[in-house]
Protein backbone atom coordinates (compact mmCIF):
# COMPACT_ATOMS: atom_id res chain seq x y z
CA MET A 1 -0.27 -0.10 0.13
CA ASN A 2 1.42 3.42 -0.79
CA LYS A 3 1.95 5.70 1.40
CA ILE A 4 3.74 8.58 0.05
CA SER A 5 2.87 12.05 -1.36
CA VAL A 6 5.18 14.03 -3.68
CA LEU A 7 5.35 17.61 -3.43
CA ILE A 8 7.15 19.49 -6.84
CA LEU A 9 7.68 23.27 -6.34
CA THR A 10 8.17 25.04 -9.41
CA LYS A 11 8.02 28.25 -11.18
CA ASP A 12 8.19 28.20 -14.93
CA GLU A 13 9.19 24.92 -15.30
CA GLN A 14 8.27 23.51 -18.05
CA LEU A 15 11.40 22.15 -19.39
CA ASP A 16 12.65 19.94 -16.20
CA LEU A 17 9.16 19.27 -14.81
CA PRO A 18 8.20 16.60 -17.57
CA GLY A 19 11.38 14.61 -16.10
CA CYS A 20 10.93 15.17 -12.95
CA LEU A 21 7.21 13.66 -13.12
CA ALA A 22 8.38 11.03 -15.45
CA SER A 23 10.62 9.80 -12.17
CA LEU A 24 8.06 10.00 -9.68
CA ALA A 25 5.30 8.15 -12.29
CA TRP A 26 4.90 5.61 -9.02
CA CYS A 27 3.25 7.97 -6.56
CA ASP A 28 -0.47 8.31 -6.86
CA ASP A 29 -1.09 11.73 -5.12
CA ILE A 30 1.26 14.36 -6.79
CA HIS A 31 1.29 18.16 -5.77
CA VAL A 32 2.68 20.56 -8.20
CA TYR A 33 3.35 23.90 -5.40
CA ASP A 34 3.41 26.48 -8.38
CA SER A 35 4.50 29.91 -7.77
CA MET A 36 2.43 31.82 -10.46
CA SER A 37 4.17 30.12 -13.41
CA THR A 38 3.77 32.27 -16.72
CA ASP A 39 4.88 29.08 -19.42
CA ARG A 40 3.44 25.79 -19.84
CA THR A 41 4.06 24.61 -16.31
CA VAL A 42 0.58 24.19 -15.10
CA GLU A 43 -0.47 22.66 -18.23
CA ILE A 44 2.22 20.16 -17.89
CA ALA A 45 1.55 19.05 -14.32
CA ARG A 46 -2.50 18.45 -14.68
CA ALA A 47 -1.77 16.85 -17.73
CA PHE A 48 0.16 13.91 -15.84
CA GLY A 49 -2.21 13.79 -13.21
CA ALA A 50 -0.70 16.18 -10.53
CA THR A 51 -3.02 18.40 -8.13
CA VAL A 52 -1.63 22.01 -8.89
CA THR A 53 -1.75 24.50 -6.04
CA GLN A 54 -0.78 28.27 -6.61
CA ARG A 55 0.49 31.19 -4.55
CA PRO A 56 2.61 34.17 -5.01
CA PHE A 57 5.93 33.61 -3.86
CA ASP A 58 7.53 35.34 -1.04
CA ASN A 59 10.55 33.77 0.78
CA TRP A 60 11.54 30.49 0.61
CA ALA A 61 10.74 29.71 4.31
CA SER A 62 7.40 31.00 4.56
CA HIS A 63 6.36 29.86 1.14
CA GLN A 64 7.56 26.45 2.23
CA ASN A 65 5.91 26.69 5.42
CA TRP A 66 1.99 27.48 3.47
CA GLY A 67 2.61 24.48 1.58
CA LEU A 68 2.71 22.29 4.14
CA ASN A 69 0.42 23.50 6.21
CA ASN A 70 -2.13 24.10 3.28
CA ILE A 71 -2.14 21.41 0.68
CA PRO A 72 -4.26 18.32 1.70
CA PHE A 73 -1.68 15.57 1.04
CA LYS A 74 -3.42 12.00 0.40
CA HIS A 75 -0.69 10.24 2.51
CA PRO A 76 1.17 10.73 5.54
CA TRP A 77 4.47 10.83 4.30
CA VAL A 78 5.80 13.24 1.61
CA TYR A 79 8.66 13.37 -0.56
CA TYR A 80 10.05 17.22 -1.60
CA SER A 81 11.55 17.57 -4.59
CA ASP A 82 12.39 20.69 -7.33
CA ALA A 83 11.63 19.93 -10.44
CA ASP A 84 15.30 19.86 -11.86
CA GLU A 85 15.60 16.57 -9.92
CA ARG A 86 15.18 13.46 -10.61
CA MET A 87 14.02 10.28 -8.37
CA THR A 88 16.40 7.43 -8.82
CA PRO A 89 14.21 3.63 -8.82
CA GLU A 90 16.84 2.81 -5.97
CA LEU A 91 16.03 5.82 -3.87
CA ALA A 92 11.68 5.06 -4.49
CA GLU A 93 12.01 1.32 -3.14
CA ALA A 94 14.01 2.86 -0.16
CA LEU A 95 11.44 5.35 0.49
CA LYS A 96 8.81 2.99 0.15
CA ALA A 97 10.26 0.60 2.73
CA PHE A 98 11.03 3.06 5.29
CA ALA A 99 7.36 4.59 5.08
CA ASP A 100 6.26 0.77 5.98
CA ALA A 101 8.51 0.81 9.27
CA PRO A 102 9.71 4.22 10.37
CA GLY A 103 9.98 3.17 13.60
CA GLU A 104 9.76 7.07 16.01
CA HIS A 105 11.46 8.47 12.57
CA VAL A 106 9.21 11.79 11.23
CA ALA A 107 12.03 12.17 8.72
CA LEU A 108 14.96 10.98 6.68
CA ARG A 109 17.48 12.48 5.03
CA VAL A 110 18.39 11.75 1.06
CA ARG A 111 21.88 12.09 -0.40
CA ARG A 112 21.85 14.48 -3.48
CA ARG A 113 24.21 13.98 -6.36
CA ASP A 114 24.64 17.45 -8.73
CA TYR A 115 25.51 17.12 -12.66
CA LEU A 116 27.31 20.30 -14.30
CA MET A 117 28.37 19.26 -18.27
CA GLY A 118 27.14 16.00 -17.89
CA THR A 119 29.74 15.50 -14.94
CA TRP A 120 28.68 13.97 -11.47
CA LEU A 121 29.98 16.77 -9.30
CA LYS A 122 31.72 13.61 -6.71
CA HIS A 123 34.22 15.84 -4.92
CA VAL A 124 33.24 19.94 -5.39
CA THR A 125 29.97 19.13 -3.98
CA PRO A 126 29.95 16.06 -2.01
CA SER A 127 26.74 14.16 -2.09
CA PRO A 128 25.33 16.44 0.77
CA PHE A 129 22.34 14.89 2.56
CA ASN A 130 19.00 16.61 2.43
CA ILE A 131 15.60 16.10 4.41
CA ARG A 132 13.43 15.59 1.66
CA PHE A 133 11.43 12.88 3.07
CA PHE A 134 9.22 13.59 6.16
CA LYS A 135 5.84 13.90 8.03
CA PRO A 136 4.58 17.57 7.39
CA ALA A 137 2.88 18.00 10.82
CA HIS A 138 6.80 17.59 11.93
CA ILE A 139 8.77 19.95 9.64
CA ARG A 140 9.43 23.57 9.27
CA TYR A 141 11.38 26.21 7.67
CA GLU A 142 13.80 29.24 8.69
CA ARG A 143 15.82 31.46 6.87
CA LEU A 144 14.60 33.99 3.73
CA THR A 145 17.01 31.65 1.64
CA ASN A 146 18.27 28.40 1.71
CA PRO A 147 16.49 27.70 4.02
CA VAL A 148 17.23 25.37 7.25
CA THR A 149 14.72 22.21 7.77
CA LEU A 150 13.82 21.90 11.52
CA VAL A 151 12.54 18.62 12.31
CA ASP A 152 10.62 17.67 15.72
CA GLY A 153 11.23 14.11 16.26
CA PRO A 154 14.16 11.92 15.05
CA VAL A 155 15.85 11.78 11.84
CA GLY A 156 17.05 8.57 10.09
CA ASP A 157 19.57 8.47 7.20
CA THR A 158 19.62 6.67 3.57
CA ASP A 159 22.09 6.15 1.09
CA ARG A 160 20.29 5.88 -1.39
CA HIS A 161 20.07 9.52 -4.07
CA PHE A 162 18.33 11.77 -6.22
CA ASN A 163 20.10 13.39 -9.24
CA HIS A 164 20.04 17.34 -9.60
CA TYR A 165 20.66 19.20 -12.61
CA PRO A 166 21.19 22.68 -11.15
CA PHE A 167 22.01 23.75 -15.05
CA SER A 168 19.59 21.87 -17.10
CA LYS A 169 18.60 25.60 -18.13
CA GLY A 170 21.84 26.98 -18.75
CA MET A 171 24.05 29.31 -17.40
CA ALA A 172 21.89 32.74 -18.08
CA HIS A 173 19.53 31.18 -15.93
CA TRP A 174 21.35 29.69 -13.35
CA PHE A 175 23.36 33.40 -12.93
CA HIS A 176 19.87 34.91 -12.86
CA LYS A 177 18.65 32.76 -10.18
CA HIS A 178 21.73 33.25 -8.17
CA ASN A 179 21.46 36.82 -8.33
CA SER A 180 18.09 36.61 -6.61
CA TYR A 181 19.80 34.55 -3.97
CA SER A 182 22.63 36.29 -3.36
CA THR A 183 19.90 39.56 -2.62
CA ALA A 184 18.25 37.22 -0.43
CA GLU A 185 21.57 35.56 1.20
CA ALA A 186 22.43 39.38 2.14
CA GLU A 187 19.42 40.41 3.42
CA GLN A 188 19.31 37.64 6.12
CA ILE A 189 22.96 37.87 7.07
CA VAL A 190 22.01 41.66 7.78
CA ALA A 191 18.76 40.83 9.75
CA ASN A 192 20.57 38.24 11.71
CA ARG A 193 23.26 40.38 12.59
CA LEU A 194 20.15 43.55 13.55
CA ALA A 195 18.04 41.13 15.06
CA SER A 196 21.71 39.93 17.69
CA LYS A 197 20.83 36.46 17.46
CA GLY A 198 23.68 35.30 19.73
CA PHE A 199 26.23 33.65 17.28
CA SER A 200 28.83 31.83 18.83
CA PRO A 201 31.67 30.27 17.34
CA TRP A 202 32.16 27.54 19.73
CA LYS A 203 28.27 26.05 19.03
CA ALA A 204 29.41 25.85 15.57
CA PHE A 205 31.73 22.68 16.40
CA THR A 206 29.59 21.72 19.50
CA ALA A 207 26.20 22.03 19.25
CA LYS A 208 24.16 18.75 19.07
CA ASP A 209 21.28 19.66 16.86
CA SER A 210 22.43 19.62 13.10
CA ASN A 211 20.33 22.49 12.48
CA GLU A 212 21.59 24.85 15.36
CA ARG A 213 25.14 23.72 14.63
CA ARG A 214 24.45 24.76 10.90
CA PHE A 215 23.37 27.94 11.64
CA HIS A 216 25.96 28.90 13.76
CA GLN A 217 28.65 27.43 11.22
CA LYS A 218 27.15 30.19 8.27
CA GLU A 219 27.48 33.07 10.72
CA LEU A 220 31.35 32.02 11.33
CA TYR A 221 31.57 31.53 7.58
CA TYR A 222 30.33 34.66 7.18
CA ARG A 223 32.54 36.44 9.08
CA LEU A 224 35.79 35.19 7.18
CA PRO A 225 38.44 37.32 5.54
CA LEU A 226 38.89 36.60 1.47
CA ARG A 227 35.48 34.56 1.51
CA PRO A 228 35.29 33.93 -2.09
CA VAL A 229 38.80 32.87 -2.02
CA VAL A 230 38.03 30.59 0.86
CA MET A 231 35.28 28.90 -0.88
CA PHE A 232 37.39 28.93 -4.10
CA LEU A 233 40.09 26.98 -2.12
CA LEU A 234 37.66 24.49 -0.25
CA LEU A 235 36.00 23.25 -2.87
CA TYR A 236 38.67 23.05 -5.39
CA VAL A 237 41.87 21.60 -3.46
CA VAL A 238 40.69 20.64 -0.15
CA LYS A 239 37.51 18.85 -1.21
CA ARG A 240 39.81 17.88 -4.56
CA GLY A 241 37.30 19.28 -7.05
CA PHE A 242 39.84 19.18 -9.56
CA LEU A 243 39.02 15.56 -9.81
CA ASP A 244 36.08 16.30 -11.27
CA GLY A 245 37.56 17.49 -14.08
CA HIS A 246 36.58 21.11 -16.37
CA ALA A 247 33.18 20.65 -14.51
CA GLY A 248 34.86 20.83 -10.70
CA LEU A 249 37.04 23.92 -12.03
CA THR A 250 33.74 25.89 -13.51
CA TYR A 251 31.61 24.73 -10.35
CA ALA A 252 34.49 26.12 -7.95
CA MET A 253 34.42 29.13 -9.45
CA LEU A 254 30.94 30.01 -10.21
CA ARG A 255 30.61 29.27 -6.30
CA ALA A 256 33.32 31.62 -5.53
CA ILE A 257 31.30 34.61 -7.73
CA TYR A 258 28.21 34.10 -5.75
CA GLU A 259 29.85 34.43 -2.73
CA HIS A 260 31.41 37.42 -3.93
CA MET A 261 28.25 38.66 -5.09
CA ILE A 262 27.04 38.29 -1.48
CA VAL A 263 29.93 39.85 0.28
CA LEU A 264 29.15 43.10 -1.89
CA LYS A 265 25.22 43.43 -1.44
CA VAL A 266 25.87 42.67 2.44
CA ARG A 267 28.73 45.94 2.01
CA GLU A 268 26.39 47.55 0.34
CA ARG A 269 22.99 47.44 2.54
CA ALA A 270 25.45 48.44 5.50
CA ARG A 271 26.54 51.74 4.08
CA GLN A 272 22.39 52.32 3.29
CA ALA A 273 21.90 51.75 6.50
CA ASP A 274 24.87 54.01 7.80
CA THR A 275 24.02 56.64 5.29
CA GLU A 276 20.16 56.26 6.77
CA GLY A 277 20.75 56.31 9.91
CA ALA A 278 23.31 59.64 9.47
CA SER A 279 20.04 61.32 7.57
CA THR A 280 18.03 60.64 11.01
CA ALA A 281 20.73 61.74 13.30
CA ALA A 282 21.50 65.02 11.13
CA PRO A 283 18.05 67.16 12.32
CA LEU A 284 18.89 66.42 15.86
CA ARG A 285 22.70 68.18 15.86
CA GLN A 286 21.57 71.28 14.64
């Protein structure tokens, strides 16, 4: 008996969505959660038999939380996918087996494999774990972009993976998307600092909760000097991205560029805040 529903987030995904849906054809409850696409995304989803829910996108955490709280899933377990991802048959079988006997677990971490130029980026992006299978009532998201997944309950792991094709729409699309991502990242960094959320370098290495540890690691990383250079060296040298050939070099350079975009936007926002503060304070000195 199937116990799994699927949630796919979309925005103008007519190129990638057919392949994603085909890899999930075994599921009888697929929900396409669409951010008001202007192409054939919704048409494709409905033709496949998926249930479509549309909502204007605001930010990642808010959008994802709304979906989990309002979409009427048929089954107790939900697998979350993006349109540029493909479920593997091995992962599908692993999820079905897990749903049949989850024990006390309320979520499952799944491996991801990224591809560029037809090459699996085995080293430069070493198969990270993602919480993609869960009971919706136990999940919520935080952060404006690259949201942190907070889980209320035990989390399991599987060594099975899904395939991710982030460059399927070309480099121009990648740059356009990461331009908006870097803006959101910069806004999140500034918001965290203004809110004084209690950054602790110690907790970046010792916090027992993985999401809390990741938050402090990110904050520590954001404070590193020459961060774009550090990112390139970490990916290409420390993680041996050079073993992935030209694709590895390209990816490491792109990630360094992305980090530099964030650095520049944080500085820009800091200058704007200083200017606005000076303008507000100026009349008081007259």
